[in-house]
Amino acid sequence: ERVHGVRKAEVGRARCRLLAARPLVDFA
């Protein structure tokens, strides 16, 4: 999150962090 950032949003009533999965997997 610090390096790539994420988009914060609400889905329904849930606070979420939206991000592209492939960059996260590669990073992880």
PDB file of all heavy atoms in Angstrom:
ATOM      1  N   GLU A   1       0.829  -1.209   0.000  1.00  0.00           N
ATOM      2  CA  GLU A   1       0.000   0.000   0.000  1.00  0.00           C
ATOM      3  C   GLU A   1       0.863   1.257   0.000  1.00  0.00           C
ATOM      4  O   GLU A   1       0.566   2.221  -0.702  1.00  0.00           O
ATOM      5  CB  GLU A   1      -0.921  -0.007   1.219  1.00  0.00           C
ATOM      6  CG  GLU A   1      -1.979   1.052   1.172  1.00  0.00           C
ATOM      7  CD  GLU A   1      -3.032   0.875   2.250  1.00  0.00           C
ATOM      8  OE1 GLU A   1      -3.272  -0.263   2.681  1.00  0.00           O
ATOM      9  OE2 GLU A   1      -3.611   1.898   2.651  1.00  0.00           O
ATOM     10  N   ARG A   2       1.950   1.241   0.755  1.00  0.00           N
ATOM     11  CA  ARG A   2       2.836   2.404   0.816  1.00  0.00           C
ATOM     12  C   ARG A   2       3.547   2.629  -0.525  1.00  0.00           C
ATOM     13  O   ARG A   2       3.667   3.754  -0.991  1.00  0.00           O
ATOM     14  CB  ARG A   2       3.873   2.207   1.933  1.00  0.00           C
ATOM     15  CG  ARG A   2       4.683   3.440   2.231  1.00  0.00           C
ATOM     16  CD  ARG A   2       5.554   3.321   3.471  1.00  0.00           C
ATOM     17  NE  ARG A   2       6.427   2.159   3.471  1.00  0.00           N
ATOM     18  CZ  ARG A   2       6.312   1.087   4.279  1.00  0.00           C
ATOM     19  NH1 ARG A   2       5.333   1.036   5.159  1.00  0.00           N
ATOM     20  NH2 ARG A   2       7.150   0.094   4.203  1.00  0.00           N
ATOM     21  N   VAL A   3       3.983   1.559  -1.173  1.00  0.00           N
ATOM     22  CA  VAL A   3       4.733   1.670  -2.434  1.00  0.00           C
ATOM     23  C   VAL A   3       3.812   1.933  -3.627  1.00  0.00           C
ATOM     24  O   VAL A   3       4.089   2.782  -4.464  1.00  0.00           O
ATOM     25  CB  VAL A   3       5.565   0.387  -2.679  1.00  0.00           C
ATOM     26  CG1 VAL A   3       6.182   0.381  -4.065  1.00  0.00           C
ATOM     27  CG2 VAL A   3       6.644   0.242  -1.615  1.00  0.00           C
ATOM     28  N   HIS A   4       2.710   1.189  -3.706  1.00  0.00           N
ATOM     29  CA  HIS A   4       1.851   1.245  -4.893  1.00  0.00           C
ATOM     30  C   HIS A   4       0.562   2.029  -4.692  1.00  0.00           C
ATOM     31  O   HIS A   4      -0.080   2.408  -5.664  1.00  0.00           O
ATOM     32  CB  HIS A   4       1.493  -0.175  -5.350  1.00  0.00           C
ATOM     33  CG  HIS A   4       2.663  -0.935  -5.863  1.00  0.00           C
ATOM     34  ND1 HIS A   4       3.141  -0.790  -7.143  1.00  0.00           N
ATOM     35  CD2 HIS A   4       3.481  -1.824  -5.263  1.00  0.00           C
ATOM     36  CE1 HIS A   4       4.189  -1.566  -7.311  1.00  0.00           C
ATOM     37  NE2 HIS A   4       4.423  -2.212  -6.169  1.00  0.00           N
ATOM     38  N   GLY A   5       0.176   2.208  -3.450  1.00  0.00           N
ATOM     39  CA  GLY A   5      -1.082   2.876  -3.184  1.00  0.00           C
ATOM     40  C   GLY A   5      -2.273   1.980  -3.475  1.00  0.00           C
ATOM     41  O   GLY A   5      -2.154   0.980  -4.182  1.00  0.00           O
ATOM     42  N   VAL A   6      -3.387   2.309  -2.898  1.00  0.00           N
ATOM     43  CA  VAL A   6      -4.639   1.603  -3.155  1.00  0.00           C
ATOM     44  C   VAL A   6      -5.745   2.636  -3.194  1.00  0.00           C
ATOM     45  O   VAL A   6      -5.585   3.760  -2.716  1.00  0.00           O
ATOM     46  CB  VAL A   6      -4.953   0.539  -2.076  1.00  0.00           C
ATOM     47  CG1 VAL A   6      -3.907  -0.552  -2.064  1.00  0.00           C
ATOM     48  CG2 VAL A   6      -5.116   1.161  -0.718  1.00  0.00           C
ATOM     49  N   ARG A   7      -6.849   2.252  -3.784  1.00  0.00           N
ATOM     50  CA  ARG A   7      -8.006   3.141  -3.817  1.00  0.00           C
ATOM     51  C   ARG A   7      -8.963   2.705  -2.720  1.00  0.00           C
ATOM     52  O   ARG A   7      -9.356   1.541  -2.670  1.00  0.00           O
ATOM     53  CB  ARG A   7      -8.687   3.045  -5.182  1.00  0.00           C
ATOM     54  CG  ARG A   7      -9.696   4.133  -5.397  1.00  0.00           C
ATOM     55  CD  ARG A   7     -10.193   4.127  -6.829  1.00  0.00           C
ATOM     56  NE  ARG A   7     -11.641   4.074  -6.744  1.00  0.00           N
ATOM     57  CZ  ARG A   7     -12.425   3.321  -7.477  1.00  0.00           C
ATOM     58  NH1 ARG A   7     -11.912   2.543  -8.395  1.00  0.00           N
ATOM     59  NH2 ARG A   7     -13.718   3.338  -7.319  1.00  0.00           N
ATOM     60  N   LYS A   8      -9.309   3.607  -1.836  1.00  0.00           N
ATOM     61  CA  LYS A   8     -10.259   3.301  -0.769  1.00  0.00           C
ATOM     62  C   LYS A   8     -11.661   3.625  -1.262  1.00  0.00           C
ATOM     63  O   LYS A   8     -11.879   4.649  -1.906  1.00  0.00           O
ATOM     64  CB  LYS A   8      -9.915   4.083   0.489  1.00  0.00           C
ATOM     65  CG  LYS A   8      -8.575   3.672   1.072  1.00  0.00           C
ATOM     66  CD  LYS A   8      -8.238   4.445   2.308  1.00  0.00           C
ATOM     67  CE  LYS A   8      -6.869   3.986   2.825  1.00  0.00           C
ATOM     68  NZ  LYS A   8      -6.463   4.721   4.019  1.00  0.00           N
ATOM     69  N   ALA A   9     -12.579   2.718  -0.974  1.00  0.00           N
ATOM     70  CA  ALA A   9     -13.958   2.895  -1.430  1.00  0.00           C
ATOM     71  C   ALA A   9     -14.880   2.128  -0.493  1.00  0.00           C
ATOM     72  O   ALA A   9     -14.426   1.333   0.321  1.00  0.00           O
ATOM     73  CB  ALA A   9     -14.110   2.378  -2.857  1.00  0.00           C
ATOM     74  N   GLU A  10     -16.160   2.384  -0.616  1.00  0.00           N
ATOM     75  CA  GLU A  10     -17.150   1.599   0.102  1.00  0.00           C
ATOM     76  C   GLU A  10     -17.877   0.715  -0.889  1.00  0.00           C
ATOM     77  O   GLU A  10     -18.279   1.159  -1.956  1.00  0.00           O
ATOM     78  CB  GLU A  10     -18.141   2.505   0.833  1.00  0.00           C
ATOM     79  CG  GLU A  10     -17.553   3.116   2.075  1.00  0.00           C
ATOM     80  CD  GLU A  10     -18.599   3.689   3.011  1.00  0.00           C
ATOM     81  OE1 GLU A  10     -19.793   3.336   2.884  1.00  0.00           O
ATOM     82  OE2 GLU A  10     -18.205   4.490   3.866  1.00  0.00           O
ATOM     83  N   VAL A  11     -18.015  -0.540  -0.523  1.00  0.00           N
ATOM     84  CA  VAL A  11     -18.796  -1.498  -1.303  1.00  0.00           C
ATOM     85  C   VAL A  11     -19.924  -1.933  -0.383  1.00  0.00           C
ATOM     86  O   VAL A  11     -19.679  -2.583   0.633  1.00  0.00           O
ATOM     87  CB  VAL A  11     -17.939  -2.702  -1.753  1.00  0.00           C
ATOM     88  CG1 VAL A  11     -18.792  -3.713  -2.508  1.00  0.00           C
ATOM     89  CG2 VAL A  11     -16.752  -2.240  -2.599  1.00  0.00           C
ATOM     90  N   GLY A  12     -21.130  -1.515  -0.722  1.00  0.00           N
ATOM     91  CA  GLY A  12     -22.223  -1.682   0.224  1.00  0.00           C
ATOM     92  C   GLY A  12     -21.920  -0.806   1.424  1.00  0.00           C
ATOM     93  O   GLY A  12     -21.676   0.381   1.293  1.00  0.00           O
ATOM     94  N   ARG A  13     -21.844  -1.413   2.601  1.00  0.00           N
ATOM     95  CA  ARG A  13     -21.473  -0.658   3.798  1.00  0.00           C
ATOM     96  C   ARG A  13     -20.078  -1.038   4.283  1.00  0.00           C
ATOM     97  O   ARG A  13     -19.677  -0.676   5.380  1.00  0.00           O
ATOM     98  CB  ARG A  13     -22.503  -0.887   4.897  1.00  0.00           C
ATOM     99  CG  ARG A  13     -23.847  -0.285   4.526  1.00  0.00           C
ATOM    100  CD  ARG A  13     -24.851  -0.289   5.640  1.00  0.00           C
ATOM    101  NE  ARG A  13     -24.735  -1.424   6.530  1.00  0.00           N
ATOM    102  CZ  ARG A  13     -25.730  -1.933   7.217  1.00  0.00           C
ATOM    103  NH1 ARG A  13     -26.924  -1.417   7.101  1.00  0.00           N
ATOM    104  NH2 ARG A  13     -25.543  -2.950   8.022  1.00  0.00           N
ATOM    105  N   ALA A  14     -19.346  -1.780   3.469  1.00  0.00           N
ATOM    106  CA  ALA A  14     -18.000  -2.220   3.866  1.00  0.00           C
ATOM    107  C   ALA A  14     -16.938  -1.271   3.327  1.00  0.00           C
ATOM    108  O   ALA A  14     -16.950  -0.912   2.150  1.00  0.00           O
ATOM    109  CB  ALA A  14     -17.733  -3.622   3.335  1.00  0.00           C
ATOM    110  N   ARG A  15     -16.041  -0.837   4.212  1.00  0.00           N
ATOM    111  CA  ARG A  15     -14.888  -0.041   3.767  1.00  0.00           C
ATOM    112  C   ARG A  15     -13.885  -0.996   3.134  1.00  0.00           C
ATOM    113  O   ARG A  15     -13.529  -2.013   3.727  1.00  0.00           O
ATOM    114  CB  ARG A  15     -14.260   0.688   4.938  1.00  0.00           C
ATOM    115  CG  ARG A  15     -15.125   1.838   5.413  1.00  0.00           C
ATOM    116  CD  ARG A  15     -14.514   2.492   6.585  1.00  0.00           C
ATOM    117  NE  ARG A  15     -14.610   1.521   7.694  1.00  0.00           N
ATOM    118  CZ  ARG A  15     -14.425   1.811   8.956  1.00  0.00           C
ATOM    119  NH1 ARG A  15     -14.107   3.020   9.302  1.00  0.00           N
ATOM    120  NH2 ARG A  15     -14.548   0.902   9.881  1.00  0.00           N
ATOM    121  N   CYS A  16     -13.445  -0.679   1.923  1.00  0.00           N
ATOM    122  CA  CYS A  16     -12.590  -1.582   1.159  1.00  0.00           C
ATOM    123  C   CYS A  16     -11.375  -0.853   0.614  1.00  0.00           C
ATOM    124  O   CYS A  16     -11.363   0.369   0.497  1.00  0.00           O
ATOM    125  CB  CYS A  16     -13.366  -2.173  -0.018  1.00  0.00           C
ATOM    126  SG  CYS A  16     -14.817  -3.106   0.473  1.00  0.00           S
ATOM    127  N   ARG A  17     -10.374  -1.639   0.275  1.00  0.00           N
ATOM    128  CA  ARG A  17      -9.204  -1.138  -0.450  1.00  0.00           C
ATOM    129  C   ARG A  17      -9.195  -1.868  -1.790  1.00  0.00           C
ATOM    130  O   ARG A  17      -9.176  -3.090  -1.826  1.00  0.00           O
ATOM    131  CB  ARG A  17      -7.926  -1.440   0.330  1.00  0.00           C
ATOM    132  CG  ARG A  17      -7.767  -0.567   1.546  1.00  0.00           C
ATOM    133  CD  ARG A  17      -6.515  -0.968   2.309  1.00  0.00           C
ATOM    134  NE  ARG A  17      -6.116   0.039   3.251  1.00  0.00           N
ATOM    135  CZ  ARG A  17      -6.618   0.174   4.463  1.00  0.00           C
ATOM    136  NH1 ARG A  17      -7.583  -0.620   4.875  1.00  0.00           N
ATOM    137  NH2 ARG A  17      -6.172   1.121   5.271  1.00  0.00           N
ATOM    138  N   LEU A  18      -9.225  -1.096  -2.866  1.00  0.00           N
ATOM    139  CA  LEU A  18      -9.281  -1.668  -4.207  1.00  0.00           C
ATOM    140  C   LEU A  18      -7.897  -1.590  -4.839  1.00  0.00           C
ATOM    141  O   LEU A  18      -7.233  -0.557  -4.778  1.00  0.00           O
ATOM    142  CB  LEU A  18     -10.302  -0.916  -5.055  1.00  0.00           C
ATOM    143  CG  LEU A  18     -11.711  -0.803  -4.455  1.00  0.00           C
ATOM    144  CD1 LEU A  18     -12.599   0.028  -5.363  1.00  0.00           C
ATOM    145  CD2 LEU A  18     -12.301  -2.172  -4.207  1.00  0.00           C
ATOM    146  N   LEU A  19      -7.476  -2.687  -5.443  1.00  0.00           N
ATOM    147  CA  LEU A  19      -6.155  -2.724  -6.064  1.00  0.00           C
ATOM    148  C   LEU A  19      -6.134  -3.791  -7.140  1.00  0.00           C
ATOM    149  O   LEU A  19      -6.978  -4.680  -7.163  1.00  0.00           O
ATOM    150  CB  LEU A  19      -5.080  -3.017  -5.010  1.00  0.00           C
ATOM    151  CG  LEU A  19      -5.326  -4.270  -4.179  1.00  0.00           C
ATOM    152  CD1 LEU A  19      -4.449  -5.402  -4.606  1.00  0.00           C
ATOM    153  CD2 LEU A  19      -5.124  -3.930  -2.721  1.00  0.00           C
ATOM    154  N   ALA A  20      -5.160  -3.690  -8.014  1.00  0.00           N
ATOM    155  CA  ALA A  20      -4.980  -4.694  -9.061  1.00  0.00           C
ATOM    156  C   ALA A  20      -4.297  -5.916  -8.445  1.00  0.00           C
ATOM    157  O   ALA A  20      -3.301  -5.788  -7.723  1.00  0.00           O
ATOM    158  CB  ALA A  20      -4.144  -4.133 -10.206  1.00  0.00           C
ATOM    159  N   ALA A  21      -4.831  -7.091  -8.694  1.00  0.00           N
ATOM    160  CA  ALA A  21      -4.323  -8.313  -8.068  1.00  0.00           C
ATOM    161  C   ALA A  21      -2.931  -8.694  -8.555  1.00  0.00           C
ATOM    162  O   ALA A  21      -2.076  -9.097  -7.764  1.00  0.00           O
ATOM    163  CB  ALA A  21      -5.294  -9.464  -8.300  1.00  0.00           C
ATOM    164  N   ARG A  22      -2.665  -8.597  -9.861  1.00  0.00           N
ATOM    165  CA  ARG A  22      -1.373  -9.052 -10.391  1.00  0.00           C
ATOM    166  C   ARG A  22      -0.203  -8.295  -9.770  1.00  0.00           C
ATOM    167  O   ARG A  22       0.769  -8.922  -9.340  1.00  0.00           O
ATOM    168  CB  ARG A  22      -1.366  -8.955 -11.923  1.00  0.00           C
ATOM    169  CG  ARG A  22      -0.046  -9.280 -12.598  1.00  0.00           C
ATOM    170  CD  ARG A  22       0.625 -10.591 -12.212  1.00  0.00           C
ATOM    171  NE  ARG A  22      -0.230 -11.736 -12.232  1.00  0.00           N
ATOM    172  CZ  ARG A  22       0.067 -12.915 -11.644  1.00  0.00           C
ATOM    173  NH1 ARG A  22       1.197 -13.080 -11.014  1.00  0.00           N
ATOM    174  NH2 ARG A  22      -0.759 -13.912 -11.696  1.00  0.00           N
ATOM    175  N   PRO A  23      -0.221  -6.957  -9.690  1.00  0.00           N
ATOM    176  CA  PRO A  23       0.885  -6.271  -9.026  1.00  0.00           C
ATOM    177  C   PRO A  23       1.045  -6.678  -7.563  1.00  0.00           C
ATOM    178  O   PRO A  23       2.171  -6.802  -7.073  1.00  0.00           O
ATOM    179  CB  PRO A  23       0.535  -4.785  -9.146  1.00  0.00           C
ATOM    180  CG  PRO A  23      -0.358  -4.709 -10.337  1.00  0.00           C
ATOM    181  CD  PRO A  23      -1.140  -5.998 -10.328  1.00  0.00           C
ATOM    182  N   LEU A  24      -0.070  -6.925  -6.862  1.00  0.00           N
ATOM    183  CA  LEU A  24       0.024  -7.363  -5.471  1.00  0.00           C
ATOM    184  C   LEU A  24       0.683  -8.732  -5.378  1.00  0.00           C
ATOM    185  O   LEU A  24       1.567  -8.947  -4.544  1.00  0.00           O
ATOM    186  CB  LEU A  24      -1.353  -7.410  -4.816  1.00  0.00           C
ATOM    187  CG  LEU A  24      -1.385  -8.022  -3.410  1.00  0.00           C
ATOM    188  CD1 LEU A  24      -0.520  -7.232  -2.443  1.00  0.00           C
ATOM    189  CD2 LEU A  24      -2.808  -8.151  -2.918  1.00  0.00           C
ATOM    190  N   VAL A  25       0.271  -9.656  -6.221  1.00  0.00           N
ATOM    191  CA  VAL A  25       0.861 -11.000  -6.199  1.00  0.00           C
ATOM    192  C   VAL A  25       2.354 -10.928  -6.500  1.00  0.00           C
ATOM    193  O   VAL A  25       3.169 -11.536  -5.795  1.00  0.00           O
ATOM    194  CB  VAL A  25       0.139 -11.943  -7.187  1.00  0.00           C
ATOM    195  CG1 VAL A  25       0.893 -13.250  -7.364  1.00  0.00           C
ATOM    196  CG2 VAL A  25      -1.285 -12.207  -6.719  1.00  0.00           C
ATOM    197  N   ASP A  26       2.732 -10.196  -7.538  1.00  0.00           N
ATOM    198  CA  ASP A  26       4.159 -10.076  -7.887  1.00  0.00           C
ATOM    199  C   ASP A  26       4.960  -9.486  -6.728  1.00  0.00           C
ATOM    200  O   ASP A  26       6.038  -9.969  -6.389  1.00  0.00           O
ATOM    201  CB  ASP A  26       4.332  -9.219  -9.141  1.00  0.00           C
ATOM    202  CG  ASP A  26       3.773  -9.883 -10.391  1.00  0.00           C
ATOM    203  OD1 ASP A  26       3.559 -11.113 -10.383  1.00  0.00           O
ATOM    204  OD2 ASP A  26       3.545  -9.164 -11.376  1.00  0.00           O
ATOM    205  N   PHE A  27       4.421  -8.440  -6.110  1.00  0.00           N
ATOM    206  CA  PHE A  27       5.079  -7.794  -4.978  1.00  0.00           C
ATOM    207  C   PHE A  27       5.187  -8.763  -3.804  1.00  0.00           C
ATOM    208  O   PHE A  27       6.243  -8.900  -3.185  1.00  0.00           O
ATOM    209  CB  PHE A  27       4.287  -6.546  -4.571  1.00  0.00           C
ATOM    210  CG  PHE A  27       4.883  -5.783  -3.433  1.00  0.00           C
ATOM    211  CD1 PHE A  27       5.824  -4.792  -3.666  1.00  0.00           C
ATOM    212  CD2 PHE A  27       4.501  -6.037  -2.121  1.00  0.00           C
ATOM    213  CE1 PHE A  27       6.381  -4.066  -2.612  1.00  0.00           C
ATOM    214  CE2 PHE A  27       5.048  -5.331  -1.060  1.00  0.00           C
ATOM    215  CZ  PHE A  27       5.991  -4.341  -1.310  1.00  0.00           C
ATOM    216  N   ALA A  28       4.084  -9.456  -3.488  1.00  0.00           N
ATOM    217  CA  ALA A  28       4.052 -10.357  -2.335  1.00  0.00           C
ATOM    218  C   ALA A  28       5.007 -11.535  -2.517  1.00  0.00           C
ATOM    219  O   ALA A  28       5.688 -11.925  -1.566  1.00  0.00           O
ATOM    220  CB  ALA A  28       2.628 -10.857  -2.106  1.00  0.00           C
TER     221      ALA A  28
END
